[in-house]
PDB file of N, CA and C in Angstrom:
ATOM      1  N   UNK A   1      -0.719   7.021 -12.042  1.00  0.00           N
ATOM      2  CA  UNK A   1       0.590   7.593 -11.877  1.00  0.00           C
ATOM      3  C   UNK A   1       1.523   7.131 -13.000  1.00  0.00           C
ATOM      4  N   UNK A   2       1.425   5.866 -13.354  1.00  0.00           N
ATOM      5  CA  UNK A   2       2.278   5.362 -14.423  1.00  0.00           C
ATOM      6  C   UNK A   2       2.002   6.101 -15.730  1.00  0.00           C
ATOM      7  N   UNK A   3       0.724   6.298 -16.028  1.00  0.00           N
ATOM      8  CA  UNK A   3       0.372   6.995 -17.261  1.00  0.00           C
ATOM      9  C   UNK A   3       0.876   8.436 -17.237  1.00  0.00           C
ATOM     10  N   UNK A   4       0.731   9.090 -16.090  1.00  0.00           N
ATOM     11  CA  UNK A   4       1.166  10.480 -15.977  1.00  0.00           C
ATOM     12  C   UNK A   4       2.669  10.620 -16.196  1.00  0.00           C
ATOM     13  N   UNK A   5       3.445   9.664 -15.695  1.00  0.00           N
ATOM     14  CA  UNK A   5       4.903   9.738 -15.797  1.00  0.00           C
ATOM     15  C   UNK A   5       5.459   8.922 -16.966  1.00  0.00           C
ATOM     16  N   UNK A   6       4.567   8.293 -17.723  1.00  0.00           N
ATOM     17  CA  UNK A   6       4.946   7.481 -18.877  1.00  0.00           C
ATOM     18  C   UNK A   6       5.969   6.406 -18.499  1.00  0.00           C
ATOM     19  N   UNK A   7       5.682   5.682 -17.400  1.00  0.00           N
ATOM     20  CA  UNK A   7       6.538   4.598 -16.933  1.00  0.00           C
ATOM     21  C   UNK A   7       5.679   3.387 -16.604  1.00  0.00           C
ATOM     22  N   UNK A   8       6.306   2.254 -16.458  1.00  0.00           N
ATOM     23  CA  UNK A   8       5.602   1.044 -16.065  1.00  0.00           C
ATOM     24  C   UNK A   8       6.355   0.405 -14.912  1.00  0.00           C
ATOM     25  N   UNK A   9       5.663   0.156 -13.812  1.00  0.00           N
ATOM     26  CA  UNK A   9       6.277  -0.495 -12.662  1.00  0.00           C
ATOM     27  C   UNK A   9       6.194  -2.010 -12.814  1.00  0.00           C
ATOM     28  N   UNK A  10       7.152  -2.692 -12.245  1.00  0.00           N
ATOM     29  CA  UNK A  10       7.161  -4.153 -12.265  1.00  0.00           C
ATOM     30  C   UNK A  10       6.143  -4.666 -11.252  1.00  0.00           C
ATOM     31  N   UNK A  11       5.731  -5.925 -11.387  1.00  0.00           N
ATOM     32  CA  UNK A  11       4.838  -6.491 -10.380  1.00  0.00           C
ATOM     33  C   UNK A  11       5.446  -6.423  -8.971  1.00  0.00           C
ATOM     34  N   UNK A  12       6.763  -6.594  -8.875  1.00  0.00           N
ATOM     35  CA  UNK A  12       7.424  -6.503  -7.570  1.00  0.00           C
ATOM     36  C   UNK A  12       7.327  -5.101  -6.983  1.00  0.00           C
ATOM     37  N   UNK A  13       7.459  -4.080  -7.816  1.00  0.00           N
ATOM     38  CA  UNK A  13       7.332  -2.702  -7.342  1.00  0.00           C
ATOM     39  C   UNK A  13       5.906  -2.416  -6.879  1.00  0.00           C
ATOM     40  N   UNK A  14       4.934  -2.914  -7.640  1.00  0.00           N
ATOM     41  CA  UNK A  14       3.535  -2.711  -7.243  1.00  0.00           C
ATOM     42  C   UNK A  14       3.240  -3.411  -5.923  1.00  0.00           C
ATOM     43  N   UNK A  15       3.755  -4.637  -5.775  1.00  0.00           N
ATOM     44  CA  UNK A  15       3.533  -5.381  -4.532  1.00  0.00           C
ATOM     45  C   UNK A  15       4.170  -4.652  -3.357  1.00  0.00           C
ATOM     46  N   UNK A  16       5.382  -4.144  -3.544  1.00  0.00           N
ATOM     47  CA  UNK A  16       6.051  -3.402  -2.472  1.00  0.00           C
ATOM     48  C   UNK A  16       5.230  -2.185  -2.075  1.00  0.00           C
ATOM     49  N   UNK A  17       4.689  -1.496  -3.062  1.00  0.00           N
ATOM     50  CA  UNK A  17       3.851  -0.337  -2.780  1.00  0.00           C
ATOM     51  C   UNK A  17       2.649  -0.725  -1.933  1.00  0.00           C
ATOM     52  N   UNK A  18       1.985  -1.815  -2.329  1.00  0.00           N
ATOM     53  CA  UNK A  18       0.773  -2.227  -1.614  1.00  0.00           C
ATOM     54  C   UNK A  18       1.087  -2.756  -0.217  1.00  0.00           C
ATOM     55  N   UNK A  19       2.190  -3.453  -0.082  1.00  0.00           N
ATOM     56  CA  UNK A  19       2.509  -4.067   1.211  1.00  0.00           C
ATOM     57  C   UNK A  19       3.218  -3.126   2.167  1.00  0.00           C
ATOM     58  N   UNK A  20       4.071  -2.268   1.652  1.00  0.00           N
ATOM     59  CA  UNK A  20       4.892  -1.432   2.518  1.00  0.00           C
ATOM     60  C   UNK A  20       4.261  -0.080   2.822  1.00  0.00           C
ATOM     61  N   UNK A  21       3.615   0.499   1.828  1.00  0.00           N
ATOM     62  CA  UNK A  21       3.060   1.822   2.046  1.00  0.00           C
ATOM     63  C   UNK A  21       4.167   2.820   2.323  1.00  0.00           C
ATOM     64  N   UNK A  22       3.888   3.807   3.154  1.00  0.00           N
ATOM     65  CA  UNK A  22       4.869   4.839   3.465  1.00  0.00           C
ATOM     66  C   UNK A  22       5.877   4.283   4.448  1.00  0.00           C
ATOM     67  N   UNK A  23       7.065   3.958   3.961  1.00  0.00           N
ATOM     68  CA  UNK A  23       8.088   3.343   4.791  1.00  0.00           C
ATOM     69  C   UNK A  23       9.428   4.001   4.505  1.00  0.00           C
ATOM     70  N   UNK A  24      10.042   4.605   5.511  1.00  0.00           N
ATOM     71  CA  UNK A  24      11.328   5.279   5.295  1.00  0.00           C
ATOM     72  C   UNK A  24      12.415   4.368   4.728  1.00  0.00           C
ATOM     73  N   UNK A  25      12.312   3.070   4.964  1.00  0.00           N
ATOM     74  CA  UNK A  25      13.351   2.159   4.487  1.00  0.00           C
ATOM     75  C   UNK A  25      13.319   1.944   2.980  1.00  0.00           C
ATOM     76  N   UNK A  26      12.245   2.349   2.319  1.00  0.00           N
ATOM     77  CA  UNK A  26      12.201   2.217   0.865  1.00  0.00           C
ATOM     78  C   UNK A  26      13.185   3.197   0.239  1.00  0.00           C
ATOM     79  N   UNK A  27      13.594   2.937  -0.972  1.00  0.00           N
ATOM     80  CA  UNK A  27      14.690   3.689  -1.590  1.00  0.00           C
ATOM     81  C   UNK A  27      14.290   4.994  -2.276  1.00  0.00           C
ATOM     82  N   UNK A  28      13.110   5.485  -2.029  1.00  0.00           N
ATOM     83  CA  UNK A  28      12.699   6.747  -2.634  1.00  0.00           C
ATOM     84  C   UNK A  28      12.033   6.590  -3.990  1.00  0.00           C
ATOM     85  N   UNK A  29      11.874   5.366  -4.460  1.00  0.00           N
ATOM     86  CA  UNK A  29      11.217   5.131  -5.741  1.00  0.00           C
ATOM     87  C   UNK A  29       9.746   4.795  -5.583  1.00  0.00           C
ATOM     88  N   UNK A  30       9.242   4.892  -4.381  1.00  0.00           N
ATOM     89  CA  UNK A  30       7.854   4.537  -4.103  1.00  0.00           C
ATOM     90  C   UNK A  30       7.164   5.715  -3.417  1.00  0.00           C
ATOM     91  N   UNK A  31       5.866   5.748  -3.554  1.00  0.00           N
ATOM     92  CA  UNK A  31       5.091   6.764  -2.878  1.00  0.00           C
ATOM     93  C   UNK A  31       3.762   6.156  -2.457  1.00  0.00           C
ATOM     94  N   UNK A  32       3.108   6.809  -1.530  1.00  0.00           N
ATOM     95  CA  UNK A  32       1.803   6.358  -1.073  1.00  0.00           C
ATOM     96  C   UNK A  32       0.823   7.488  -1.311  1.00  0.00           C
ATOM     97  N   UNK A  33      -0.292   7.171  -1.923  1.00  0.00           N
ATOM     98  CA  UNK A  33      -1.317   8.181  -2.125  1.00  0.00           C
ATOM     99  C   UNK A  33      -2.665   7.500  -2.123  1.00  0.00           C
ATOM    100  N   UNK A  34      -3.675   8.257  -1.856  1.00  0.00           N
ATOM    101  CA  UNK A  34      -5.023   7.722  -1.853  1.00  0.00           C
ATOM    102  C   UNK A  34      -5.807   8.261  -0.678  1.00  0.00           C
ATOM    103  N   UNK A  35      -7.045   7.875  -0.621  1.00  0.00           N
ATOM    104  CA  UNK A  35      -7.942   8.342   0.430  1.00  0.00           C
ATOM    105  C   UNK A  35      -8.939   7.232   0.730  1.00  0.00           C
ATOM    106  N   UNK A  36      -9.139   6.976   1.989  1.00  0.00           N
ATOM    107  CA  UNK A  36     -10.143   5.992   2.394  1.00  0.00           C
ATOM    108  C   UNK A  36     -11.480   6.718   2.437  1.00  0.00           C
ATOM    109  N   UNK A  37     -12.419   6.280   1.600  1.00  0.00           N
ATOM    110  CA  UNK A  37     -13.729   6.927   1.575  1.00  0.00           C
ATOM    111  C   UNK A  37     -14.765   6.120   2.346  1.00  0.00           C
ATOM    112  N   UNK A  38     -14.463   4.854   2.594  1.00  0.00           N
ATOM    113  CA  UNK A  38     -15.285   4.035   3.489  1.00  0.00           C
ATOM    114  C   UNK A  38     -14.417   2.878   3.971  1.00  0.00           C
ATOM    115  N   UNK A  39     -14.741   2.349   5.124  1.00  0.00           N
ATOM    116  CA  UNK A  39     -13.976   1.231   5.661  1.00  0.00           C
ATOM    117  C   UNK A  39     -12.828   1.633   6.566  1.00  0.00           C
ATOM    118  N   UNK A  40     -12.876   2.834   7.135  1.00  0.00           N
ATOM    119  CA  UNK A  40     -11.788   3.295   7.992  1.00  0.00           C
ATOM    120  C   UNK A  40     -11.571   2.360   9.182  1.00  0.00           C
ATOM    121  N   UNK A  41     -12.644   1.730   9.678  1.00  0.00           N
ATOM    122  CA  UNK A  41     -12.482   0.798  10.795  1.00  0.00           C
ATOM    123  C   UNK A  41     -11.583  -0.369  10.408  1.00  0.00           C
ATOM    124  N   UNK A  42     -11.680  -0.824   9.168  1.00  0.00           N
ATOM    125  CA  UNK A  42     -10.823  -1.901   8.679  1.00  0.00           C
ATOM    126  C   UNK A  42      -9.375  -1.423   8.602  1.00  0.00           C
ATOM    127  N   UNK A  43      -9.165  -0.213   8.116  1.00  0.00           N
ATOM    128  CA  UNK A  43      -7.818   0.353   8.046  1.00  0.00           C
ATOM    129  C   UNK A  43      -7.212   0.429   9.446  1.00  0.00           C
ATOM    130  N   UNK A  44      -7.988   0.874  10.400  1.00  0.00           N
ATOM    131  CA  UNK A  44      -7.509   0.955  11.780  1.00  0.00           C
ATOM    132  C   UNK A  44      -7.159  -0.428  12.323  1.00  0.00           C
ATOM    133  N   UNK A  45      -7.945  -1.423  11.958  1.00  0.00           N
ATOM    134  CA  UNK A  45      -7.696  -2.796  12.392  1.00  0.00           C
ATOM    135  C   UNK A  45      -6.379  -3.322  11.783  1.00  0.00           C
ATOM    136  N   UNK A  46      -6.149  -3.029  10.520  1.00  0.00           N
ATOM    137  CA  UNK A  46      -4.903  -3.426   9.860  1.00  0.00           C
ATOM    138  C   UNK A  46      -3.712  -2.770  10.562  1.00  0.00           C
ATOM    139  N   UNK A  47      -3.870  -1.547  10.962  1.00  0.00           N
ATOM    140  CA  UNK A  47      -2.797  -0.808  11.633  1.00  0.00           C
ATOM    141  C   UNK A  47      -2.366  -1.474  12.939  1.00  0.00           C
ATOM    142  N   UNK A  48      -3.234  -2.259  13.544  1.00  0.00           N
ATOM    143  CA  UNK A  48      -2.931  -2.909  14.820  1.00  0.00           C
ATOM    144  C   UNK A  48      -2.287  -4.298  14.662  1.00  0.00           C
ATOM    145  N   UNK A  49      -2.114  -4.758  13.423  1.00  0.00           N
ATOM    146  CA  UNK A  49      -1.551  -6.082  13.169  1.00  0.00           C
ATOM    147  C   UNK A  49      -0.099  -6.134  13.666  1.00  0.00           C
ATOM    148  N   UNK A  50       0.273  -7.256  14.257  1.00  0.00           N
ATOM    149  CA  UNK A  50       1.638  -7.445  14.743  1.00  0.00           C
ATOM    150  C   UNK A  50       2.581  -7.593  13.552  1.00  0.00           C
ATOM    151  N   UNK A  51       3.728  -6.896  13.615  1.00  0.00           N
ATOM    152  CA  UNK A  51       4.699  -6.910  12.532  1.00  0.00           C
ATOM    153  C   UNK A  51       6.052  -7.401  13.032  1.00  0.00           C
ATOM    154  N   UNK A  52       6.935  -7.725  12.081  1.00  0.00           N
ATOM    155  CA  UNK A  52       8.282  -8.152  12.449  1.00  0.00           C
ATOM    156  C   UNK A  52       9.206  -6.944  12.560  1.00  0.00           C
ATOM    157  N   UNK A  53      10.508  -7.197  12.688  1.00  0.00           N
ATOM    158  CA  UNK A  53      11.483  -6.109  12.865  1.00  0.00           C
ATOM    159  C   UNK A  53      11.596  -5.211  11.643  1.00  0.00           C
ATOM    160  N   UNK A  54      11.120  -5.670  10.500  1.00  0.00           N
ATOM    161  CA  UNK A  54      11.132  -4.846   9.287  1.00  0.00           C
ATOM    162  C   UNK A  54       9.781  -4.189   9.035  1.00  0.00           C
ATOM    163  N   UNK A  55       8.909  -4.221  10.035  1.00  0.00           N
ATOM    164  CA  UNK A  55       7.570  -3.630   9.967  1.00  0.00           C
ATOM    165  C   UNK A  55       6.676  -4.337   8.954  1.00  0.00           C
ATOM    166  N   UNK A  56       6.953  -5.606   8.711  1.00  0.00           N
ATOM    167  CA  UNK A  56       6.153  -6.441   7.806  1.00  0.00           C
ATOM    168  C   UNK A  56       5.199  -7.267   8.650  1.00  0.00           C
ATOM    169  N   UNK A  57       3.917  -7.313   8.295  1.00  0.00           N
ATOM    170  CA  UNK A  57       2.967  -8.124   9.066  1.00  0.00           C
ATOM    171  C   UNK A  57       3.414  -9.580   9.143  1.00  0.00           C
ATOM    172  N   UNK A  58       3.206 -10.214  10.297  1.00  0.00           N
ATOM    173  CA  UNK A  58       3.571 -11.616  10.456  1.00  0.00           C
ATOM    174  C   UNK A  58       2.702 -12.509   9.578  1.00  0.00           C
ATOM    175  N   UNK A  59       1.468 -12.099   9.351  1.00  0.00           N
ATOM    176  CA  UNK A  59       0.569 -12.811   8.439  1.00  0.00           C
ATOM    177  C   UNK A  59       0.203 -11.844   7.315  1.00  0.00           C
ATOM    178  N   UNK A  60       0.170 -12.347   6.076  1.00  0.00           N
ATOM    179  CA  UNK A  60      -0.189 -11.498   4.948  1.00  0.00           C
ATOM    180  C   UNK A  60      -1.588 -10.910   5.117  1.00  0.00           C
ATOM    181  N   UNK A  61      -1.733  -9.691   4.680  1.00  0.00           N
ATOM    182  CA  UNK A  61      -3.031  -9.013   4.662  1.00  0.00           C
ATOM    183  C   UNK A  61      -3.396  -8.842   3.195  1.00  0.00           C
ATOM    184  N   UNK A  62      -4.522  -9.374   2.804  1.00  0.00           N
ATOM    185  CA  UNK A  62      -4.940  -9.301   1.404  1.00  0.00           C
ATOM    186  C   UNK A  62      -6.138  -8.381   1.246  1.00  0.00           C
ATOM    187  N   UNK A  63      -6.099  -7.586   0.211  1.00  0.00           N
ATOM    188  CA  UNK A  63      -7.234  -6.738  -0.137  1.00  0.00           C
ATOM    189  C   UNK A  63      -8.151  -7.578  -1.004  1.00  0.00           C
ATOM    190  N   UNK A  64      -9.366  -7.831  -0.529  1.00  0.00           N
ATOM    191  CA  UNK A  64     -10.314  -8.660  -1.275  1.00  0.00           C
ATOM    192  C   UNK A  64     -11.017  -7.866  -2.367  1.00  0.00           C
ATOM    193  N   UNK A  65     -11.231  -6.599  -2.121  1.00  0.00           N
ATOM    194  CA  UNK A  65     -11.843  -5.756  -3.146  1.00  0.00           C
ATOM    195  C   UNK A  65     -11.515  -4.304  -2.873  1.00  0.00           C
ATOM    196  N   UNK A  66     -11.518  -3.540  -3.928  1.00  0.00           N
ATOM    197  CA  UNK A  66     -11.296  -2.095  -3.822  1.00  0.00           C
ATOM    198  C   UNK A  66     -11.853  -1.452  -5.074  1.00  0.00           C
ATOM    199  N   UNK A  67     -11.989  -0.168  -5.019  1.00  0.00           N
ATOM    200  CA  UNK A  67     -12.490   0.559  -6.182  1.00  0.00           C
ATOM    201  C   UNK A  67     -11.712   1.859  -6.319  1.00  0.00           C
ATOM    202  N   UNK A  68     -11.429   2.213  -7.533  1.00  0.00           N
ATOM    203  CA  UNK A  68     -10.798   3.498  -7.810  1.00  0.00           C
ATOM    204  C   UNK A  68     -11.915   4.464  -8.164  1.00  0.00           C
ATOM    205  N   UNK A  69     -12.023   5.526  -7.398  1.00  0.00           N
ATOM    206  CA  UNK A  69     -13.096   6.495  -7.583  1.00  0.00           C
ATOM    207  C   UNK A  69     -12.486   7.803  -8.061  1.00  0.00           C
ATOM    208  N   UNK A  70     -12.920   8.274  -9.209  1.00  0.00           N
ATOM    209  CA  UNK A  70     -12.428   9.550  -9.717  1.00  0.00           C
ATOM    210  C   UNK A  70     -13.337  10.656  -9.218  1.00  0.00           C
ATOM    211  N   UNK A  71     -12.728  11.718  -8.758  1.00  0.00           N
ATOM    212  CA  UNK A  71     -13.515  12.859  -8.274  1.00  0.00           C
ATOM    213  C   UNK A  71     -13.591  13.926  -9.317  1.00  0.00           C
TER     214      UNK A  71
END
């Protein structure tokens, strides 16, 4: 996306994207895109994590590995 729009996001913007995902409280400068091609059970498990009043998980969730697959 950065290459397509000829922009560079800060590490803080990237972190917000990864941690917040699609969240109405964001200021409109972020978007969520992608497709889960395997591991949907893990995604469902993450969805059940307890969050605070700002919809932030009480414990950090870290992605240990991922792959970008071009179609």
